[in-house]
Amino acid sequence: MKDGIHPNYREMLFIDMSNGFKFICRSTASSRETGEFEGKEYPVIKLDVSSESHPFYTGAQNTIVDTAGRVEKFRRRFDRFKK
């Protein structure tokens, strides 16, 4: 590889801000903050959501689907087109 044309690919500390979960992954992202993980300093990237807090992965989906309400809403909306 040529020198000076590739981004700096290094280990970084990712922190899920919703629950404090931390993990190490390699990335080319830049960061001014540093943090310690298992006794070693890493550049830090803060995340809003990770697999530890996303409802799809945790199984804690809080949405309830109202199928009966959908059908009634559809009928009311398109009832005016009846002959």
Protein backbone atom coordinates (compact mmCIF):
# COMPACT_ATOMS: atom_id res chain seq x y z
CA MET A 1 0.00 0.00 0.00
CA LYS A 2 1.14 3.53 -0.68
CA ASP A 3 2.00 5.69 2.29
CA GLY A 4 -0.08 8.79 3.03
CA ILE A 5 -3.21 7.97 1.00
CA HIS A 6 -5.05 5.60 3.35
CA PRO A 7 -7.00 6.68 6.45
CA ASN A 8 -5.73 5.73 9.89
CA TYR A 9 -7.39 2.36 10.67
CA ARG A 10 -7.10 1.73 14.40
CA GLU A 11 -8.81 0.24 17.43
CA MET A 12 -11.38 2.54 19.01
CA LEU A 13 -13.60 2.41 22.08
CA PHE A 14 -17.31 2.64 21.30
CA ILE A 15 -19.62 3.64 24.17
CA ASP A 16 -23.41 3.22 24.07
CA MET A 17 -24.66 6.32 25.87
CA SER A 18 -28.09 4.84 26.68
CA ASN A 19 -26.75 2.07 28.93
CA GLY A 20 -22.97 2.57 29.23
CA PHE A 21 -22.01 -0.58 27.28
CA LYS A 22 -18.44 -0.39 25.92
CA PHE A 23 -16.73 -2.38 23.19
CA ILE A 24 -13.58 -2.22 21.07
CA CYS A 25 -13.75 -2.21 17.28
CA ARG A 26 -11.46 -1.00 14.52
CA SER A 27 -12.46 2.15 12.65
CA THR A 28 -11.20 5.01 10.51
CA ALA A 29 -13.35 7.59 12.35
CA SER A 30 -11.57 10.45 14.06
CA SER A 31 -12.07 11.43 17.68
CA ARG A 32 -10.59 14.00 20.04
CA GLU A 33 -11.73 12.19 23.20
CA THR A 34 -9.93 9.26 24.78
CA GLY A 35 -11.13 6.69 27.25
CA GLU A 36 -9.73 3.76 29.17
CA PHE A 37 -10.90 0.20 28.65
CA GLU A 38 -9.25 -2.79 30.34
CA GLY A 39 -6.22 -0.70 31.29
CA LYS A 40 -5.50 0.72 27.84
CA GLU A 41 -6.27 4.17 26.34
CA TYR A 42 -8.36 4.34 23.15
CA PRO A 43 -9.99 7.10 21.10
CA VAL A 44 -13.73 7.23 21.99
CA ILE A 45 -16.80 7.24 19.75
CA LYS A 46 -20.13 7.79 21.54
CA LEU A 47 -23.19 5.97 20.16
CA ASP A 48 -26.89 6.59 20.75
CA VAL A 49 -27.87 2.97 20.06
CA SER A 50 -25.96 -0.29 19.87
CA SER A 51 -26.95 -3.95 19.80
CA GLU A 52 -27.07 -3.89 23.62
CA SER A 53 -29.82 -1.24 23.70
CA HIS A 54 -31.72 -1.55 20.39
CA PRO A 55 -35.21 -3.08 20.85
CA PHE A 56 -34.75 -5.47 17.91
CA TYR A 57 -31.81 -7.16 19.63
CA THR A 58 -33.06 -6.92 23.23
CA GLY A 59 -36.60 -8.16 22.46
CA ALA A 60 -38.13 -5.28 24.43
CA GLN A 61 -40.35 -3.86 21.72
CA ASN A 62 -42.94 -1.60 23.30
CA THR A 63 -45.23 -1.10 20.31
CA ILE A 64 -48.63 -2.74 20.26
CA VAL A 65 -50.25 -3.26 16.87
CA ASP A 66 -53.95 -2.43 16.81
CA THR A 67 -55.24 -4.43 13.84
CA ALA A 68 -58.95 -3.93 14.61
CA GLY A 69 -58.49 -0.17 14.74
CA ARG A 70 -56.73 -0.20 11.38
CA VAL A 71 -59.60 -1.99 9.65
CA GLU A 72 -62.19 0.42 11.09
CA LYS A 73 -60.08 3.41 10.12
CA PHE A 74 -59.77 2.06 6.56
CA ARG A 75 -63.54 1.51 6.29
CA ARG A 76 -64.32 5.01 7.56
CA ARG A 77 -61.85 6.58 5.15
CA PHE A 78 -63.07 4.76 2.04
CA ASP A 79 -66.77 4.52 2.96
CA ARG A 80 -67.48 7.67 0.96
CA PHE A 81 -66.56 5.88 -2.29
CA LYS A 82 -69.34 3.30 -1.85
CA LYS A 83 -72.22 3.45 -4.33
